[in-house]
C-alpha atoms as a PDB file:
ATOM      1  CA  UNK A   1      66.501-109.074 -14.725  1.00  0.00           C
ATOM      2  CA  UNK A   2      65.569-107.390 -11.436  1.00  0.00           C
ATOM      3  CA  UNK A   3      61.888-108.400 -11.813  1.00  0.00           C
ATOM      4  CA  UNK A   4      62.902-111.996 -12.413  1.00  0.00           C
ATOM      5  CA  UNK A   5      65.064-111.888  -9.288  1.00  0.00           C
ATOM      6  CA  UNK A   6      62.162-110.640  -7.169  1.00  0.00           C
ATOM      7  CA  UNK A   7      59.763-113.188  -8.643  1.00  0.00           C
ATOM      8  CA  UNK A   8      62.212-116.030  -8.059  1.00  0.00           C
ATOM      9  CA  UNK A   9      62.906-114.825  -4.537  1.00  0.00           C
ATOM     10  CA  UNK A  10      59.172-114.535  -3.872  1.00  0.00           C
ATOM     11  CA  UNK A  11      58.649-118.084  -5.150  1.00  0.00           C
ATOM     12  CA  UNK A  12      61.361-119.375  -2.805  1.00  0.00           C
ATOM     13  CA  UNK A  13      59.794-117.434   0.068  1.00  0.00           C
ATOM     14  CA  UNK A  14      56.339-118.900  -0.595  1.00  0.00           C
ATOM     15  CA  UNK A  15      57.292-122.453  -1.545  1.00  0.00           C
ATOM     16  CA  UNK A  16      60.633-122.814   0.197  1.00  0.00           C
ATOM     17  CA  UNK A  17      63.763-124.091  -1.483  1.00  0.00           C
ATOM     18  CA  UNK A  18      63.344-126.964  -3.895  1.00  0.00           C
ATOM     19  CA  UNK A  19      64.862-130.216  -2.621  1.00  0.00           C
ATOM     20  CA  UNK A  20      67.789-131.570  -4.609  1.00  0.00           C
ATOM     21  CA  UNK A  21      66.770-134.835  -6.235  1.00  0.00           C
ATOM     22  CA  UNK A  22      69.106-137.640  -7.260  1.00  0.00           C
ATOM     23  CA  UNK A  23      71.068-136.626 -10.327  1.00  0.00           C
ATOM     24  CA  UNK A  24      70.377-132.919  -9.816  1.00  0.00           C
ATOM     25  CA  UNK A  25      72.775-130.561  -8.131  1.00  0.00           C
ATOM     26  CA  UNK A  26      71.318-128.038  -5.761  1.00  0.00           C
ATOM     27  CA  UNK A  27      71.566-124.510  -7.117  1.00  0.00           C
ATOM     28  CA  UNK A  28      73.941-122.429  -5.047  1.00  0.00           C
ATOM     29  CA  UNK A  29      72.628-118.981  -4.246  1.00  0.00           C
ATOM     30  CA  UNK A  30      75.035-116.107  -3.825  1.00  0.00           C
ATOM     31  CA  UNK A  31      76.078-115.619  -0.200  1.00  0.00           C
ATOM     32  CA  UNK A  32      75.837-111.856  -0.700  1.00  0.00           C
ATOM     33  CA  UNK A  33      72.353-110.455  -1.317  1.00  0.00           C
ATOM     34  CA  UNK A  34      71.889-107.856  -4.069  1.00  0.00           C
ATOM     35  CA  UNK A  35      70.759-105.445  -1.383  1.00  0.00           C
ATOM     36  CA  UNK A  36      72.405-105.184   1.978  1.00  0.00           C
ATOM     37  CA  UNK A  37      69.322-105.910   4.046  1.00  0.00           C
ATOM     38  CA  UNK A  38      71.028-108.564   6.169  1.00  0.00           C
ATOM     39  CA  UNK A  39      74.653-109.141   6.970  1.00  0.00           C
ATOM     40  CA  UNK A  40      76.477-111.720   4.826  1.00  0.00           C
ATOM     41  CA  UNK A  41      76.982-113.788   7.999  1.00  0.00           C
ATOM     42  CA  UNK A  42      73.280-113.677   8.928  1.00  0.00           C
ATOM     43  CA  UNK A  43      71.581-116.896   7.887  1.00  0.00           C
ATOM     44  CA  UNK A  44      68.108-115.398   8.263  1.00  0.00           C
ATOM     45  CA  UNK A  45      66.558-115.446   4.788  1.00  0.00           C
ATOM     46  CA  UNK A  46      65.043-112.312   3.325  1.00  0.00           C
ATOM     47  CA  UNK A  47      61.294-112.351   3.458  1.00  0.00           C
ATOM     48  CA  UNK A  48      58.945-110.978   0.803  1.00  0.00           C
ATOM     49  CA  UNK A  49      58.379-107.778   2.782  1.00  0.00           C
ATOM     50  CA  UNK A  50      62.156-107.141   2.786  1.00  0.00           C
ATOM     51  CA  UNK A  51      62.391-107.698  -0.945  1.00  0.00           C
ATOM     52  CA  UNK A  52      59.451-105.498  -1.833  1.00  0.00           C
ATOM     53  CA  UNK A  53      60.017-102.980   0.960  1.00  0.00           C
ATOM     54  CA  UNK A  54      63.166-101.409  -0.380  1.00  0.00           C
ATOM     55  CA  UNK A  55      65.825-103.749   1.003  1.00  0.00           C
ATOM     56  CA  UNK A  56      66.681-101.527   3.980  1.00  0.00           C
ATOM     57  CA  UNK A  57      69.548-102.471   6.287  1.00  0.00           C
ATOM     58  CA  UNK A  58      68.451-103.952   9.599  1.00  0.00           C
ATOM     59  CA  UNK A  59      69.563-104.010  13.220  1.00  0.00           C
ATOM     60  CA  UNK A  60      73.138-103.102  14.043  1.00  0.00           C
ATOM     61  CA  UNK A  61      73.957-102.563  10.356  1.00  0.00           C
ATOM     62  CA  UNK A  62      71.243 -99.891  10.075  1.00  0.00           C
ATOM     63  CA  UNK A  63      72.303 -98.229  13.337  1.00  0.00           C
ATOM     64  CA  UNK A  64      75.921 -98.078  12.135  1.00  0.00           C
ATOM     65  CA  UNK A  65      74.829 -96.571   8.806  1.00  0.00           C
ATOM     66  CA  UNK A  66      72.684 -93.963  10.620  1.00  0.00           C
ATOM     67  CA  UNK A  67      75.633 -92.996  12.851  1.00  0.00           C
ATOM     68  CA  UNK A  68      77.943 -92.651   9.835  1.00  0.00           C
ATOM     69  CA  UNK A  69      75.325 -90.643   7.871  1.00  0.00           C
ATOM     70  CA  UNK A  70      74.953 -88.184  10.766  1.00  0.00           C
ATOM     71  CA  UNK A  71      78.326 -86.727   9.767  1.00  0.00           C
ATOM     72  CA  UNK A  72      76.787 -85.365   6.547  1.00  0.00           C
ATOM     73  CA  UNK A  73      74.153 -82.728   5.853  1.00  0.00           C
ATOM     74  CA  UNK A  74      70.594 -83.952   6.285  1.00  0.00           C
ATOM     75  CA  UNK A  75      68.950 -84.385   2.887  1.00  0.00           C
ATOM     76  CA  UNK A  76      72.209 -85.193   1.080  1.00  0.00           C
ATOM     77  CA  UNK A  77      72.817 -88.507  -0.702  1.00  0.00           C
ATOM     78  CA  UNK A  78      75.056 -89.454   2.217  1.00  0.00           C
ATOM     79  CA  UNK A  79      72.321 -88.688   4.774  1.00  0.00           C
ATOM     80  CA  UNK A  80      68.882 -88.871   3.157  1.00  0.00           C
ATOM     81  CA  UNK A  81      65.854 -87.818   5.174  1.00  0.00           C
ATOM     82  CA  UNK A  82      64.229 -90.940   6.658  1.00  0.00           C
ATOM     83  CA  UNK A  83      60.425 -91.073   6.359  1.00  0.00           C
ATOM     84  CA  UNK A  84      57.555 -93.502   5.931  1.00  0.00           C
ATOM     85  CA  UNK A  85      56.475 -94.078   2.315  1.00  0.00           C
ATOM     86  CA  UNK A  86      55.461 -91.371  -0.234  1.00  0.00           C
ATOM     87  CA  UNK A  87      52.930 -89.892   2.184  1.00  0.00           C
ATOM     88  CA  UNK A  88      55.767 -89.332   4.664  1.00  0.00           C
ATOM     89  CA  UNK A  89      57.951 -87.755   1.966  1.00  0.00           C
ATOM     90  CA  UNK A  90      55.246 -85.216   1.140  1.00  0.00           C
ATOM     91  CA  UNK A  91      54.378 -84.521   4.784  1.00  0.00           C
ATOM     92  CA  UNK A  92      58.042 -83.840   5.560  1.00  0.00           C
ATOM     93  CA  UNK A  93      58.566 -81.568   2.548  1.00  0.00           C
ATOM     94  CA  UNK A  94      55.359 -79.606   3.302  1.00  0.00           C
ATOM     95  CA  UNK A  95      56.747 -78.744   6.746  1.00  0.00           C
ATOM     96  CA  UNK A  96      59.974 -77.195   5.397  1.00  0.00           C
ATOM     97  CA  UNK A  97      60.267 -73.406   5.451  1.00  0.00           C
ATOM     98  CA  UNK A  98      62.553 -71.049   3.540  1.00  0.00           C
ATOM     99  CA  UNK A  99      64.377 -68.131   5.203  1.00  0.00           C
ATOM    100  CA  UNK A 100      61.306 -65.906   4.585  1.00  0.00           C
ATOM    101  CA  UNK A 101      59.144 -68.476   6.462  1.00  0.00           C
ATOM    102  CA  UNK A 102      57.323 -69.442   3.223  1.00  0.00           C
ATOM    103  CA  UNK A 103      56.862 -73.075   2.231  1.00  0.00           C
ATOM    104  CA  UNK A 104      59.075 -74.062  -0.712  1.00  0.00           C
ATOM    105  CA  UNK A 105      57.720 -75.652  -3.873  1.00  0.00           C
ATOM    106  CA  UNK A 106      58.884 -79.215  -4.445  1.00  0.00           C
ATOM    107  CA  UNK A 107      58.700 -81.915  -7.088  1.00  0.00           C
ATOM    108  CA  UNK A 108      60.063 -85.423  -7.280  1.00  0.00           C
ATOM    109  CA  UNK A 109      62.898 -85.670  -9.793  1.00  0.00           C
ATOM    110  CA  UNK A 110      63.261 -89.441  -9.685  1.00  0.00           C
ATOM    111  CA  UNK A 111      64.676 -92.500  -8.021  1.00  0.00           C
ATOM    112  CA  UNK A 112      68.416 -92.459  -7.388  1.00  0.00           C
ATOM    113  CA  UNK A 113      69.096 -96.120  -6.627  1.00  0.00           C
ATOM    114  CA  UNK A 114      70.216 -97.627  -3.334  1.00  0.00           C
ATOM    115  CA  UNK A 115      71.212 -95.145  -0.665  1.00  0.00           C
ATOM    116  CA  UNK A 116      73.416 -95.487   2.390  1.00  0.00           C
ATOM    117  CA  UNK A 117      70.710 -97.355   4.328  1.00  0.00           C
ATOM    118  CA  UNK A 118      70.423-100.034   1.615  1.00  0.00           C
ATOM    119  CA  UNK A 119      67.056 -98.901   0.260  1.00  0.00           C
ATOM    120  CA  UNK A 120      66.108 -96.872  -2.789  1.00  0.00           C
ATOM    121  CA  UNK A 121      66.244 -93.095  -2.352  1.00  0.00           C
ATOM    122  CA  UNK A 122      64.199 -90.447  -4.148  1.00  0.00           C
ATOM    123  CA  UNK A 123      65.353 -86.961  -5.066  1.00  0.00           C
ATOM    124  CA  UNK A 124      63.164 -83.880  -4.750  1.00  0.00           C
ATOM    125  CA  UNK A 125      63.837 -80.478  -6.304  1.00  0.00           C
ATOM    126  CA  UNK A 126      62.986 -77.958  -3.583  1.00  0.00           C
ATOM    127  CA  UNK A 127      62.693 -74.281  -4.539  1.00  0.00           C
ATOM    128  CA  UNK A 128      62.214 -71.178  -2.413  1.00  0.00           C
ATOM    129  CA  UNK A 129      60.287 -68.505  -4.354  1.00  0.00           C
ATOM    130  CA  UNK A 130      61.416 -64.944  -4.934  1.00  0.00           C
ATOM    131  CA  UNK A 131      65.076 -65.648  -4.383  1.00  0.00           C
ATOM    132  CA  UNK A 132      64.597 -66.531  -0.722  1.00  0.00           C
ATOM    133  CA  UNK A 133      67.385 -68.550   0.834  1.00  0.00           C
ATOM    134  CA  UNK A 134      68.397 -71.307   0.537  1.00  0.00           C
ATOM    135  CA  UNK A 135      67.253 -71.038  -3.097  1.00  0.00           C
ATOM    136  CA  UNK A 136      67.042 -74.291  -5.023  1.00  0.00           C
ATOM    137  CA  UNK A 137      68.242 -77.601  -3.588  1.00  0.00           C
ATOM    138  CA  UNK A 138      67.894 -81.293  -4.238  1.00  0.00           C
ATOM    139  CA  UNK A 139      66.826 -83.129  -1.110  1.00  0.00           C
ATOM    140  CA  UNK A 140      67.213 -86.903  -0.996  1.00  0.00           C
ATOM    141  CA  UNK A 141      64.629 -88.934   0.900  1.00  0.00           C
ATOM    142  CA  UNK A 142      64.539 -92.595   1.942  1.00  0.00           C
ATOM    143  CA  UNK A 143      60.917 -93.673   2.400  1.00  0.00           C
ATOM    144  CA  UNK A 144      61.569 -97.093   3.945  1.00  0.00           C
ATOM    145  CA  UNK A 145      61.741 -96.055   7.608  1.00  0.00           C
ATOM    146  CA  UNK A 146      58.250 -96.611   9.051  1.00  0.00           C
ATOM    147  CA  UNK A 147      59.316 -96.084  12.663  1.00  0.00           C
ATOM    148  CA  UNK A 148      61.252 -92.838  12.208  1.00  0.00           C
ATOM    149  CA  UNK A 149      59.832 -89.307  12.349  1.00  0.00           C
ATOM    150  CA  UNK A 150      62.384 -86.720  11.224  1.00  0.00           C
ATOM    151  CA  UNK A 151      62.253 -83.503  13.242  1.00  0.00           C
ATOM    152  CA  UNK A 152      65.229 -81.648  11.752  1.00  0.00           C
ATOM    153  CA  UNK A 153      65.524 -79.613   8.549  1.00  0.00           C
ATOM    154  CA  UNK A 154      68.275 -79.659   5.913  1.00  0.00           C
ATOM    155  CA  UNK A 155      70.781 -76.781   6.112  1.00  0.00           C
ATOM    156  CA  UNK A 156      69.257 -73.422   5.141  1.00  0.00           C
ATOM    157  CA  UNK A 157      65.685 -74.518   5.880  1.00  0.00           C
ATOM    158  CA  UNK A 158      63.661 -74.386   9.055  1.00  0.00           C
ATOM    159  CA  UNK A 159      60.983 -76.804  10.041  1.00  0.00           C
ATOM    160  CA  UNK A 160      57.368 -76.017  10.895  1.00  0.00           C
ATOM    161  CA  UNK A 161      56.481 -77.888  14.079  1.00  0.00           C
ATOM    162  CA  UNK A 162      53.687 -80.423  13.960  1.00  0.00           C
ATOM    163  CA  UNK A 163      50.393 -79.309  15.385  1.00  0.00           C
ATOM    164  CA  UNK A 164      49.699 -80.637  18.855  1.00  0.00           C
ATOM    165  CA  UNK A 165      47.321 -83.587  18.807  1.00  0.00           C
ATOM    166  CA  UNK A 166      44.301 -83.455  21.135  1.00  0.00           C
END
């Protein structure tokens, strides 16, 4: 059903809405999008990039969600780490350090549906070897934030600084 929704939405995006002809009623679309990428009062239609790009909240709605999420631990479902695409997920996780300053092992455990920013979140099992703190954790990551570079670490971890660029 979801694929059909995306295909239909993509067709409307490309071709525009079909005009109602005599004897045909125009099809009413739901006023609330399946994903919360625009406010219900916003008449700006979703574009194909929004639909295929995770359905992230935008503008003031995103800023409000970020402010609310800040009250929770970074890396939790309520405050997933914001990065840019899978490459950003891996780059972020490679920079984490356990209490013994060693890099933890990590593996993706799956997709966990829409997160607090309206886009799909992924979960990663992160494990510090040899019993080093913080041990094993699941860290949630939202990869639909191309303009954000996270510089903080989830509780119990430290963060290796990025190398200075020449």
